[in-house]
Amino acid sequence: GDEEDKAKPAGSDGERRGVKRQRDEKDEHGRAYYEFREEAYNSRSKSPPPPEEEPREGEDDESAVILDTYTSDLHFRATKDRYGGQPLFFEKFPALWAGARSTHGVTKGRVCFEAKVTQHLPVKEGSSEVPLFRVGWSVDFSHSQLGEDELSYGYDSRGLKVTSGRFEAFGQPFGESDVIGCYADFEGDEVVELSFSKNGEALGPAFGVPKEELGGRALLPHVLCKGCAVELNFGQRDEPLCPGPLGFVFIHAVPPEDRVRTPLPPKTTEECEVLLMVGLPGSGKTQWAQKHSEEHRDKRYNILGTELVLHQLRTRGPEEEELDAKSRDLLIQQAAQCLSKLVQIAPRAKRNFILDQCNVYNSGQRRKLLAFKGFCRKVVVVVPTEDDWKKRLELRKEAEGEDVPDSVMLEMKANYSLPEKNDYLDEVLYGELPKEEAQPLVTKYKEEARKLLPPSEKRANRRNNRNKRNRQNRNRGQGYVGGQRRGYDNRVYGQQQYWGQPGNRGGYRNFYDRYRGDYDRFYGRDYEYNRYRDYYRQYNRE
């Protein structure tokens, strides 16, 4: 009777102790899955060392027209003189666009600047990414993806012009070593005319911007690049890179009182703040972050979240390219990894940040906030009512076409911890339900999840055993040099005689060998099909 009981599947009659991880392909798709995987991976890593200071060349001279590292994308690496730049992570994320605007804009006159693609950056072998460049004008506060929102006008290297996300054929394609001239003519009565040239050859007007729409706002030079390095001439050079039409002056030559300076960056990190969002997937963190950012535009929050990175990894064009499930999955995986990198480099910049991730792990909260030493550090906890949360999860599923895998949701609930004020955290804010109502809900989620998950020792042991093994092997490597006991770094990989040799302790392998004789005979490394075909034949008869 006991044997029969044991043989019963554990999941029958609703007696399941744990939720078994289904290795279903579909189960592993989606934003929440990859965000969680990055979070879990990084939650065990040590806090990164204090970041280096950004180069501050050119910041003292407020009248110089240079690229603005305060309003640029965090991953736009400006050159030291700030007259050029390139994307920061081009080797690992060749599809990532990076944009920057100049420190000054104009509202009158006939003004120009030049941009040159100095180099197509090397890509990994087999990569299908093509370097692209977009240059033009935009107003302050528009998106860094030039041309993809209103009052943002770009000329794309594919021979396209773009504004408000609408692409149309214009001019000619351009690439490495080509010089693009950008001209803004404010002298018309009702319309600002924007035109371009390629290597000194006029391409004609591309856009007519109604002055009424601009409403007196300044147009700023703007570049956006993917996989290439660019150089700009705002007029700091003695000679233009290419001859241009008569009557236009370089923006550098416009009298300072006729230029409009974008707000200056904070002088010290003490003036900057970082808001760390905390909440389960679908609870409304991104909406809160966007609303807060809109209401406090003067703070110019950089929202670091997967959605924004996804947008910057996509290349848009006249035809919207539809991604299949596999490509989309790969893109989301890249976005989650890229976001981790951005969060790591963020403390170098004197800006205000909102870290829009789940951040339910206490270790993750601590690790991220410790890196922002000197900033005013706040946590925003978003816990909606249970009904609201379910509705939002449904909406999220409709919008993104994906469900949050059960295993991921359970792990997050089981590890959800509400932060308290401490030495690396100045303030805890509650975005929806106040703490008195949020705390019982979080505790309830935690208890429910822990009942459904395998016992925590088992989950922890998998990790601890691995760490313990690595520690043992490391120590072995230090204590014993030579043939007697090979350490972790001295393993003779690829030589069969290594495993099980009396003098070479191979971790747990020798212990394991005792129990696997039968298994190895048929499935082990010495397995040859012909040798055992008679054995298999009895199972293979139709």
Protein backbone atom coordinates (compact mmCIF):
# COMPACT_ATOMS: atom_id res chain seq x y z
CA GLY A 1 0.00 0.00 0.00
CA ASP A 2 2.82 2.41 0.92
CA GLU A 3 4.57 1.76 -2.37
CA GLU A 4 1.39 2.53 -4.32
CA ASP A 5 0.98 5.79 -2.44
CA LYS A 6 4.51 6.77 -3.27
CA ALA A 7 3.98 5.96 -6.92
CA LYS A 8 0.99 8.31 -7.17
CA PRO A 9 1.86 11.52 -9.01
CA ALA A 10 2.43 14.28 -6.50
CA GLY A 11 0.01 16.59 -8.26
CA SER A 12 -3.08 14.35 -7.99
CA ASP A 13 -6.07 15.40 -5.89
CA GLY A 14 -4.74 18.92 -5.57
CA GLU A 15 -2.07 17.78 -3.11
CA ARG A 16 0.74 19.42 -5.01
CA ARG A 17 3.38 20.85 -2.74
CA GLY A 18 5.15 22.92 -5.40
CA VAL A 19 4.43 24.32 -8.80
CA LYS A 20 6.63 22.44 -11.24
CA ARG A 21 8.43 24.65 -13.71
CA GLN A 22 7.03 23.81 -17.13
CA ARG A 23 9.76 23.84 -19.77
CA ASP A 24 7.34 25.06 -22.34
CA GLU A 25 8.79 27.47 -24.90
CA LYS A 26 5.82 29.81 -24.59
CA ASP A 27 6.30 29.95 -20.84
CA GLU A 28 9.71 31.55 -21.26
CA HIS A 29 8.63 34.45 -23.45
CA GLY A 30 7.90 37.94 -22.30
CA ARG A 31 9.17 41.05 -20.63
CA ALA A 32 8.48 40.02 -17.03
CA TYR A 33 10.40 36.76 -17.47
CA TYR A 34 13.58 38.45 -18.70
CA GLU A 35 13.33 41.33 -16.23
CA PHE A 36 13.02 38.79 -13.42
CA ARG A 37 15.93 36.75 -14.75
CA GLU A 38 18.19 39.82 -14.85
CA GLU A 39 16.97 40.86 -11.40
CA ALA A 40 17.58 37.41 -9.90
CA TYR A 41 20.99 37.19 -11.56
CA ASN A 42 22.07 40.63 -10.38
CA SER A 43 20.54 40.36 -6.91
CA ARG A 44 23.43 38.07 -5.94
CA SER A 45 26.15 40.24 -7.43
CA LYS A 46 28.11 42.60 -5.24
CA SER A 47 27.54 46.34 -5.42
CA PRO A 48 29.57 47.76 -8.28
CA PRO A 49 32.58 49.91 -7.36
CA PRO A 50 31.96 53.66 -7.12
CA PRO A 51 31.64 55.01 -10.66
CA GLU A 52 34.17 57.31 -12.28
CA GLU A 53 33.29 60.94 -12.87
CA GLU A 54 32.14 61.96 -16.34
CA PRO A 55 34.62 64.20 -18.19
CA ARG A 56 33.58 67.80 -17.61
CA GLU A 57 35.46 69.51 -20.41
CA GLY A 58 33.63 72.46 -21.94
CA GLU A 59 31.07 72.72 -19.14
CA ASP A 60 32.58 75.87 -17.69
CA ASP A 61 32.10 77.86 -20.89
CA GLU A 62 28.34 78.28 -20.98
CA SER A 63 28.41 80.27 -24.21
CA ALA A 64 29.99 77.41 -26.23
CA VAL A 65 27.59 75.45 -28.44
CA ILE A 66 28.42 71.79 -27.79
CA LEU A 67 26.50 68.54 -27.34
CA ASP A 68 24.50 68.51 -24.12
CA THR A 69 25.40 65.47 -21.99
CA TYR A 70 22.63 66.40 -19.52
CA THR A 71 19.74 65.90 -21.96
CA SER A 72 21.38 63.25 -24.18
CA ASP A 73 20.69 59.53 -23.93
CA LEU A 74 22.59 58.01 -21.03
CA HIS A 75 24.28 55.61 -23.48
CA PHE A 76 25.44 58.35 -25.86
CA ARG A 77 29.19 58.68 -25.35
CA ALA A 78 30.21 62.23 -26.27
CA THR A 79 33.78 62.90 -27.33
CA LYS A 80 35.95 64.88 -24.89
CA ASP A 81 35.43 68.17 -26.73
CA ARG A 82 31.67 67.39 -27.01
CA TYR A 83 31.60 67.99 -30.78
CA GLY A 84 30.81 64.36 -31.59
CA GLY A 85 29.96 60.97 -30.14
CA GLN A 86 28.79 57.41 -30.59
CA PRO A 87 26.59 54.78 -28.86
CA LEU A 88 28.18 53.38 -25.71
CA PHE A 89 27.33 49.66 -25.94
CA PHE A 90 27.67 49.18 -29.70
CA GLU A 91 29.58 45.85 -29.43
CA LYS A 92 27.01 44.11 -27.24
CA PHE A 93 23.88 45.92 -28.48
CA PRO A 94 24.55 46.94 -32.10
CA ALA A 95 20.83 47.73 -32.62
CA LEU A 96 20.74 50.39 -29.88
CA TRP A 97 20.08 53.98 -31.02
CA ALA A 98 21.68 56.84 -29.05
CA GLY A 99 20.75 60.50 -29.43
CA ALA A 100 21.92 63.93 -28.26
CA ARG A 101 20.95 67.58 -28.72
CA SER A 102 23.09 70.69 -28.57
CA THR A 103 23.25 72.96 -25.53
CA HIS A 104 21.78 75.91 -27.49
CA GLY A 105 18.87 76.42 -29.87
CA VAL A 106 17.62 79.24 -32.08
CA THR A 107 14.35 81.09 -32.63
CA LYS A 108 15.28 83.51 -35.43
CA GLY A 109 17.59 84.19 -38.36
CA ARG A 110 19.04 81.74 -40.90
CA VAL A 111 21.11 79.21 -38.99
CA CYS A 112 23.02 76.03 -39.88
CA PHE A 113 25.32 73.27 -38.61
CA GLU A 114 27.06 70.28 -40.21
CA ALA A 115 27.23 66.60 -39.26
CA LYS A 116 29.61 63.98 -40.58
CA VAL A 117 29.53 60.19 -40.18
CA THR A 118 33.19 59.65 -39.29
CA GLN A 119 33.12 55.88 -38.88
CA HIS A 120 30.90 52.84 -39.10
CA LEU A 121 31.66 51.01 -35.86
CA PRO A 122 32.76 47.36 -36.13
CA VAL A 123 30.00 44.81 -35.51
CA LYS A 124 30.25 41.18 -34.47
CA GLU A 125 30.65 38.65 -37.24
CA GLY A 126 27.27 37.46 -38.44
CA SER A 127 25.44 40.55 -37.16
CA SER A 128 22.84 41.82 -39.62
CA GLU A 129 22.68 45.31 -38.07
CA VAL A 130 23.35 48.17 -40.49
CA PRO A 131 24.82 51.44 -39.14
CA LEU A 132 22.26 54.27 -39.43
CA PHE A 133 22.31 57.99 -38.71
CA ARG A 134 19.63 60.65 -38.39
CA VAL A 135 20.24 64.36 -38.10
CA GLY A 136 18.02 67.43 -37.85
CA TRP A 137 16.27 69.74 -35.39
CA SER A 138 13.94 69.28 -32.44
CA VAL A 139 12.51 71.22 -29.51
CA ASP A 140 13.58 70.72 -25.92
CA PHE A 141 11.71 67.91 -24.10
CA SER A 142 11.01 66.00 -27.32
CA HIS A 143 12.02 62.33 -27.43
CA SER A 144 15.69 61.51 -28.06
CA GLN A 145 14.53 59.31 -31.00
CA LEU A 146 14.72 62.16 -33.51
CA GLY A 147 11.65 62.48 -35.73
CA GLU A 148 9.52 60.04 -33.78
CA ASP A 149 7.34 62.62 -32.05
CA GLU A 150 5.97 66.09 -32.73
CA LEU A 151 8.23 69.10 -33.36
CA SER A 152 11.12 66.76 -34.09
CA TYR A 153 12.47 66.70 -37.67
CA GLY A 154 15.12 64.33 -39.00
CA TYR A 155 16.90 63.35 -42.22
CA ASP A 156 17.65 59.60 -42.11
CA SER A 157 20.66 57.96 -43.80
CA ARG A 158 18.33 55.60 -45.69
CA GLY A 159 17.24 58.56 -47.86
CA LEU A 160 14.18 59.36 -45.72
CA LYS A 161 12.79 62.33 -43.84
CA VAL A 162 10.81 61.77 -40.65
CA THR A 163 8.61 63.72 -38.25
CA SER A 164 5.90 62.52 -35.82
CA GLY A 165 6.97 58.96 -36.67
CA ARG A 166 6.00 59.34 -40.36
CA PHE A 167 8.74 58.44 -42.86
CA GLU A 168 8.85 59.71 -46.45
CA ALA A 169 11.45 59.41 -49.21
CA PHE A 170 13.77 62.44 -49.34
CA GLY A 171 17.16 63.31 -50.82
CA GLN A 172 19.68 60.51 -51.15
CA PRO A 173 20.97 57.79 -48.82
CA PHE A 174 24.25 58.71 -47.08
CA GLY A 175 26.90 56.94 -45.03
CA GLU A 176 30.51 56.94 -43.85
CA SER A 177 32.47 60.16 -44.57
CA ASP A 178 29.42 62.00 -45.95
CA VAL A 179 28.78 65.53 -44.64
CA ILE A 180 25.18 66.61 -44.10
CA GLY A 181 24.37 70.32 -43.86
CA CYS A 182 21.27 71.24 -41.81
CA TYR A 183 19.61 74.63 -42.37
CA ALA A 184 16.81 76.39 -40.46
CA ASP A 185 15.33 79.51 -42.03
CA PHE A 186 13.14 81.53 -39.62
CA GLU A 187 12.74 84.49 -41.99
CA GLY A 188 9.44 83.35 -43.55
CA ASP A 189 6.24 84.96 -42.24
CA GLU A 190 4.42 81.86 -41.02
CA VAL A 191 6.70 78.88 -41.58
CA VAL A 192 10.21 77.88 -40.52
CA GLU A 193 11.81 76.11 -43.49
CA LEU A 194 14.16 73.22 -42.71
CA SER A 195 16.42 72.02 -45.52
CA PHE A 196 19.46 69.75 -45.93
CA SER A 197 22.49 69.28 -48.16
CA LYS A 198 24.79 66.31 -48.81
CA ASN A 199 28.51 66.97 -49.40
CA GLY A 200 27.71 70.57 -50.41
CA GLU A 201 24.90 69.60 -52.81
CA ALA A 202 21.54 71.17 -51.84
CA LEU A 203 18.71 68.66 -51.38
CA GLY A 204 15.99 71.30 -51.03
CA PRO A 205 13.43 71.97 -48.30
CA ALA A 206 12.33 68.93 -46.25
CA PHE A 207 9.93 70.46 -43.71
CA GLY A 208 7.86 73.59 -43.23
CA VAL A 209 7.22 74.10 -39.52
CA PRO A 210 4.28 76.44 -38.71
CA LYS A 211 5.56 79.13 -36.34
CA GLU A 212 2.25 78.93 -34.49
CA GLU A 213 2.95 75.28 -33.62
CA LEU A 214 6.44 76.12 -32.40
CA GLY A 215 4.97 78.79 -30.13
CA GLY A 216 8.28 80.62 -29.75
CA ARG A 217 10.18 77.48 -28.68
CA ALA A 218 13.75 77.14 -29.89
CA LEU A 219 14.87 74.52 -32.42
CA LEU A 220 18.00 72.65 -31.32
CA PRO A 221 20.44 70.68 -33.48
CA HIS A 222 19.85 66.96 -32.82
CA VAL A 223 21.71 63.77 -33.83
CA LEU A 224 20.69 60.13 -33.46
CA CYS A 225 23.05 57.30 -34.35
CA LYS A 226 23.17 53.53 -34.40
CA GLY A 227 26.45 51.69 -34.99
CA CYS A 228 28.35 54.78 -36.12
CA ALA A 229 30.49 57.61 -34.76
CA VAL A 230 29.58 61.19 -35.71
CA GLU A 231 31.28 64.57 -35.68
CA LEU A 232 29.54 67.95 -35.63
CA ASN A 233 30.54 71.37 -36.81
CA PHE A 234 28.55 74.07 -35.01
CA GLY A 235 30.95 76.68 -36.41
CA GLN A 236 33.84 76.02 -34.00
CA ARG A 237 36.04 75.13 -37.03
CA ASP A 238 37.80 77.80 -39.05
CA GLU A 239 36.37 76.41 -42.28
CA PRO A 240 33.10 74.59 -42.98
CA LEU A 241 33.41 70.88 -43.86
CA CYS A 242 31.56 71.59 -47.15
CA PRO A 243 30.46 74.82 -48.83
CA GLY A 244 26.84 75.74 -48.07
CA PRO A 245 24.19 78.17 -49.35
CA LEU A 246 24.74 81.89 -48.87
CA GLY A 247 23.04 83.83 -46.11
CA PHE A 248 23.23 81.14 -43.38
CA VAL A 249 25.41 81.47 -40.28
CA PHE A 250 26.67 78.66 -38.09
CA ILE A 251 24.89 78.42 -34.72
CA HIS A 252 28.24 79.10 -32.97
CA ALA A 253 28.42 82.48 -34.72
CA VAL A 254 24.92 83.56 -33.63
CA PRO A 255 25.31 86.23 -30.89
CA PRO A 256 24.86 84.61 -27.42
CA GLU A 257 21.85 86.84 -26.65
CA ASP A 258 20.06 85.44 -29.75
CA ARG A 259 20.60 81.81 -28.74
CA VAL A 260 18.53 79.87 -26.23
CA ARG A 261 20.45 77.81 -23.64
CA THR A 262 18.83 74.64 -22.33
CA PRO A 263 18.77 74.45 -18.49
CA LEU A 264 22.11 73.73 -16.89
CA PRO A 265 22.73 70.34 -15.25
CA PRO A 266 22.94 70.04 -11.45
CA LYS A 267 26.42 70.96 -10.18
CA THR A 268 26.67 68.12 -7.64
CA THR A 269 25.06 64.72 -7.04
CA GLU A 270 23.56 66.15 -3.81
CA GLU A 271 21.14 68.08 -6.04
CA CYS A 272 20.09 64.89 -7.88
CA GLU A 273 17.57 62.28 -6.80
CA VAL A 274 16.86 58.69 -7.72
CA LEU A 275 13.42 57.11 -7.37
CA LEU A 276 13.42 53.31 -7.21
CA MET A 277 10.06 51.83 -8.23
CA VAL A 278 8.99 48.73 -6.29
CA GLY A 279 6.01 46.58 -7.28
CA LEU A 280 4.87 43.37 -8.94
CA PRO A 281 4.51 43.19 -12.75
CA GLY A 282 1.43 45.03 -13.96
CA SER A 283 0.89 47.00 -10.75
CA GLY A 284 1.18 50.39 -12.51
CA LYS A 285 4.81 51.44 -11.89
CA THR A 286 5.45 52.69 -15.44
CA GLN A 287 2.26 54.78 -15.45
CA TRP A 288 3.18 56.30 -12.09
CA ALA A 289 6.72 57.08 -13.30
CA GLN A 290 5.51 58.71 -16.52
CA LYS A 291 2.87 60.80 -14.73
CA HIS A 292 5.37 61.91 -12.06
CA SER A 293 7.92 62.79 -14.74
CA GLU A 294 5.33 64.88 -16.65
CA GLU A 295 4.27 66.72 -13.49
CA HIS A 296 7.90 67.59 -12.61
CA ARG A 297 9.35 68.40 -16.03
CA ASP A 298 11.90 70.79 -14.51
CA LYS A 299 13.61 67.76 -12.92
CA ARG A 300 14.06 66.07 -16.33
CA TYR A 301 13.79 62.55 -14.93
CA ASN A 302 15.51 59.82 -16.92
CA ILE A 303 13.14 56.86 -16.71
CA LEU A 304 15.19 53.67 -16.97
CA GLY A 305 12.75 50.92 -17.91
CA THR A 306 12.47 48.03 -20.37
CA GLU A 307 9.81 49.78 -22.46
CA LEU A 308 12.07 52.73 -23.23
CA VAL A 309 15.04 50.48 -24.09
CA LEU A 310 12.80 48.32 -26.32
CA HIS A 311 11.83 51.47 -28.20
CA GLN A 312 15.51 52.35 -28.70
CA LEU A 313 16.37 48.86 -29.95
CA ARG A 314 13.76 48.95 -32.73
CA THR A 315 14.57 50.47 -36.12
CA ARG A 316 11.51 52.13 -37.55
CA GLY A 317 10.91 52.91 -41.20
CA PRO A 318 8.16 53.55 -43.78
CA GLU A 319 6.87 49.99 -43.32
CA GLU A 320 6.40 48.83 -39.74
CA GLU A 321 8.32 45.57 -39.49
CA GLU A 322 6.38 42.79 -37.78
CA LEU A 323 8.51 40.67 -35.46
CA ASP A 324 7.90 36.94 -35.09
CA ALA A 325 7.73 35.49 -31.58
CA LYS A 326 11.37 34.37 -31.57
CA SER A 327 12.76 37.76 -32.71
CA ARG A 328 10.57 39.61 -30.24
CA ASP A 329 11.73 37.31 -27.45
CA LEU A 330 15.36 37.96 -28.35
CA LEU A 331 14.70 41.71 -28.43
CA ILE A 332 13.09 41.66 -24.97
CA GLN A 333 15.99 39.61 -23.62
CA GLN A 334 18.45 42.18 -25.03
CA ALA A 335 16.41 45.06 -23.60
CA ALA A 336 16.49 43.54 -20.09
CA GLN A 337 20.28 43.03 -20.29
CA CYS A 338 20.81 46.52 -21.69
CA LEU A 339 18.70 48.01 -18.90
CA SER A 340 20.96 46.35 -16.29
CA LYS A 341 23.95 48.02 -17.94
CA LEU A 342 22.22 51.43 -17.95
CA VAL A 343 21.38 51.12 -14.25
CA GLN A 344 25.05 50.33 -13.57
CA ILE A 345 26.36 53.44 -15.38
CA ALA A 346 23.58 55.81 -14.20
CA PRO A 347 25.30 56.88 -10.93
CA ARG A 348 28.11 58.49 -13.01
CA ALA A 349 25.75 61.10 -14.41
CA LYS A 350 24.45 64.12 -12.54
CA ARG A 351 20.78 63.67 -13.43
CA ASN A 352 17.50 62.67 -11.79
CA PHE A 353 16.53 59.05 -12.35
CA ILE A 354 13.49 56.81 -12.01
CA LEU A 355 14.44 53.10 -12.03
CA ASP A 356 11.33 51.49 -13.46
CA GLN A 357 11.79 47.80 -12.69
CA CYS A 358 10.05 45.41 -10.28
CA ASN A 359 12.80 45.64 -7.61
CA VAL A 360 10.96 43.33 -5.21
CA TYR A 361 14.17 41.73 -3.91
CA ASN A 362 15.54 43.45 -0.84
CA SER A 363 19.09 42.63 -1.96
CA GLY A 364 18.40 44.24 -5.35
CA GLN A 365 16.99 47.40 -3.76
CA ARG A 366 20.05 47.69 -1.56
CA ARG A 367 22.56 47.01 -4.33
CA LYS A 368 21.05 49.59 -6.68
CA LEU A 369 20.61 52.33 -4.09
CA LEU A 370 24.11 51.93 -2.62
CA ALA A 371 25.57 52.74 -6.04
CA PHE A 372 23.79 56.14 -6.01
CA LYS A 373 25.91 57.46 -3.16
CA GLY A 374 25.39 61.18 -2.66
CA PHE A 375 22.00 61.25 -4.45
CA CYS A 376 18.75 61.81 -2.58
CA ARG A 377 17.47 58.21 -2.63
CA LYS A 378 13.76 57.42 -2.49
CA VAL A 379 11.67 54.31 -3.02
CA VAL A 380 8.18 54.42 -4.52
CA VAL A 381 6.09 51.35 -3.66
CA VAL A 382 3.12 50.72 -5.95
CA VAL A 383 0.58 48.28 -4.49
CA PRO A 384 -2.92 48.54 -6.02
CA THR A 385 -5.97 46.72 -4.62
CA GLU A 386 -6.19 43.08 -5.67
CA ASP A 387 -9.07 43.75 -8.10
CA ASP A 388 -7.28 46.69 -9.72
CA TRP A 389 -4.14 44.63 -10.09
CA LYS A 390 -5.98 41.79 -11.84
CA LYS A 391 -7.58 44.26 -14.27
CA ARG A 392 -4.18 45.84 -15.01
CA LEU A 393 -2.60 42.44 -15.61
CA GLU A 394 -5.36 41.73 -18.14
CA LEU A 395 -4.77 45.08 -19.86
CA ARG A 396 -1.04 44.42 -19.92
CA LYS A 397 -1.66 41.01 -21.47
CA GLU A 398 -3.86 42.55 -24.17
CA ALA A 399 -1.33 45.29 -24.93
CA GLU A 400 1.78 43.12 -24.95
CA GLY A 401 0.28 39.78 -25.94
CA GLU A 402 2.07 38.02 -23.12
CA ASP A 403 1.27 36.63 -19.73
CA VAL A 404 3.63 36.74 -16.78
CA PRO A 405 4.81 33.11 -16.26
CA ASP A 406 3.38 31.62 -13.03
CA SER A 407 6.80 30.52 -11.79
CA VAL A 408 8.14 34.07 -12.17
CA MET A 409 5.15 35.64 -10.45
CA LEU A 410 5.37 33.19 -7.54
CA GLU A 411 9.11 33.77 -7.06
CA MET A 412 8.52 37.52 -7.06
CA LYS A 413 5.66 37.32 -4.59
CA ALA A 414 7.65 35.01 -2.31
CA ASN A 415 10.59 37.45 -2.27
CA TYR A 416 8.58 40.68 -2.12
CA SER A 417 9.83 42.86 0.70
CA LEU A 418 8.65 46.37 1.50
CA PRO A 419 11.66 48.61 2.18
CA GLU A 420 12.11 50.66 5.32
CA LYS A 421 14.00 53.94 5.68
CA ASN A 422 17.70 53.30 6.45
CA ASP A 423 21.21 54.62 5.86
CA TYR A 424 21.04 54.15 2.06
CA LEU A 425 17.37 55.12 1.72
CA ASP A 426 16.12 58.60 2.57
CA GLU A 427 12.37 58.20 2.05
CA VAL A 428 9.76 55.54 1.26
CA LEU A 429 6.71 56.77 -0.68
CA TYR A 430 3.56 54.77 -1.44
CA GLY A 431 2.22 55.46 -4.94
CA GLU A 432 -1.23 53.90 -4.48
CA LEU A 433 -2.41 52.13 -1.33
CA PRO A 434 -0.85 53.58 1.83
CA LYS A 435 1.51 51.39 3.85
CA GLU A 436 -1.20 50.26 6.33
CA GLU A 437 -3.21 48.74 3.47
CA ALA A 438 -0.29 47.63 1.30
CA GLN A 439 1.53 45.67 4.03
CA PRO A 440 -1.22 43.04 4.66
CA LEU A 441 -1.66 42.51 0.90
CA VAL A 442 2.07 41.94 0.36
CA THR A 443 2.18 39.55 3.33
CA LYS A 444 -0.80 37.66 1.89
CA TYR A 445 0.86 37.36 -1.55
CA LYS A 446 4.05 36.18 0.11
CA GLU A 447 2.32 33.45 2.13
CA GLU A 448 0.27 32.23 -0.84
CA ALA A 449 3.36 32.00 -3.02
CA ARG A 450 5.43 30.18 -0.41
CA LYS A 451 2.75 27.52 -0.04
CA LEU A 452 2.82 26.85 -3.78
CA LEU A 453 6.58 26.96 -4.28
CA PRO A 454 8.92 24.10 -3.29
CA PRO A 455 10.30 24.51 0.26
CA SER A 456 12.76 27.37 0.34
CA GLU A 457 15.65 25.15 1.55
CA LYS A 458 15.46 23.20 -1.67
CA ARG A 459 15.48 26.36 -3.74
CA ALA A 460 18.31 27.84 -1.71
CA ASN A 461 20.28 24.59 -1.70
CA ARG A 462 20.52 24.48 -5.46
CA ARG A 463 22.28 27.82 -5.32
CA ASN A 464 24.28 27.17 -2.16
CA ASN A 465 25.59 23.83 -3.37
CA ARG A 466 26.85 25.46 -6.53
CA ASN A 467 28.54 28.27 -4.58
CA LYS A 468 29.96 25.82 -2.06
CA ARG A 469 31.36 23.66 -4.84
CA ASN A 470 32.96 26.67 -6.50
CA ARG A 471 34.49 27.72 -3.18
CA GLN A 472 35.88 24.24 -2.54
CA ASN A 473 37.35 24.04 -5.99
CA ARG A 474 38.87 27.48 -5.70
CA ASN A 475 40.49 26.54 -2.39
CA ARG A 476 41.76 23.32 -3.85
CA GLY A 477 43.36 25.27 -6.65
CA GLN A 478 45.23 27.41 -4.13
CA GLY A 479 46.22 24.63 -1.73
CA TYR A 480 47.39 21.92 -4.08
CA VAL A 481 49.47 22.64 -7.12
CA GLY A 482 50.48 19.98 -9.59
CA GLY A 483 49.24 16.48 -10.30
CA GLN A 484 47.96 15.24 -6.97
CA ARG A 485 44.81 17.31 -6.66
CA ARG A 486 43.96 19.52 -9.57
CA GLY A 487 42.21 22.75 -8.61
CA TYR A 488 39.27 24.40 -10.25
CA ASP A 489 41.45 26.23 -12.76
CA ASN A 490 43.73 23.31 -13.55
CA ARG A 491 41.20 20.79 -14.86
CA VAL A 492 42.33 18.82 -17.87
CA TYR A 493 39.23 19.44 -19.94
CA GLY A 494 38.55 17.21 -22.91
CA GLN A 495 40.80 14.33 -21.73
CA GLN A 496 38.67 11.39 -20.73
CA GLN A 497 41.25 9.93 -18.41
CA TYR A 498 40.73 12.92 -16.10
CA TRP A 499 37.41 11.98 -14.50
CA GLY A 500 37.77 9.29 -11.93
CA GLN A 501 41.57 9.21 -11.92
CA PRO A 502 42.71 8.40 -8.39
CA GLY A 503 44.97 11.44 -8.10
CA ASN A 504 42.53 13.96 -9.55
CA ARG A 505 39.58 14.82 -7.39
CA GLY A 506 36.85 15.94 -9.74
CA GLY A 507 34.43 17.53 -7.31
CA TYR A 508 31.34 15.38 -6.86
CA ARG A 509 31.97 13.25 -9.96
CA ASN A 510 33.78 10.33 -8.24
CA PHE A 511 31.06 10.10 -5.62
CA TYR A 512 28.47 10.14 -8.35
CA ASP A 513 30.26 7.44 -10.43
CA ARG A 514 29.48 4.76 -7.87
CA TYR A 515 25.78 5.12 -8.50
CA ARG A 516 25.66 5.40 -12.21
CA GLY A 517 27.14 2.21 -13.62
CA ASP A 518 24.02 1.04 -15.45
CA TYR A 519 23.14 4.48 -16.68
CA ASP A 520 26.58 5.02 -18.16
CA ARG A 521 26.64 1.71 -19.94
CA PHE A 522 23.86 2.84 -22.26
CA TYR A 523 23.85 6.60 -22.16
CA GLY A 524 27.32 7.58 -20.98
CA ARG A 525 30.21 8.95 -22.93
CA ASP A 526 31.31 5.45 -24.14
CA TYR A 527 27.92 4.64 -25.56
CA GLU A 528 27.93 3.20 -29.11
CA TYR A 529 24.59 2.43 -30.71
CA ASN A 530 25.68 -0.72 -32.64
CA ARG A 531 27.14 -2.32 -29.57
CA TYR A 532 23.77 -2.21 -27.83
CA ARG A 533 21.41 -2.59 -30.77
CA ASP A 534 20.29 -6.09 -29.66
CA TYR A 535 19.47 -4.70 -26.27
CA TYR A 536 17.32 -1.95 -27.80
CA ARG A 537 15.71 -4.22 -30.38
CA GLN A 538 13.41 -5.78 -27.79
CA TYR A 539 11.97 -2.33 -27.05
CA ASN A 540 11.74 -1.21 -30.65
CA ARG A 541 9.51 -3.95 -32.06
CA GLU A 542 6.39 -2.52 -33.62
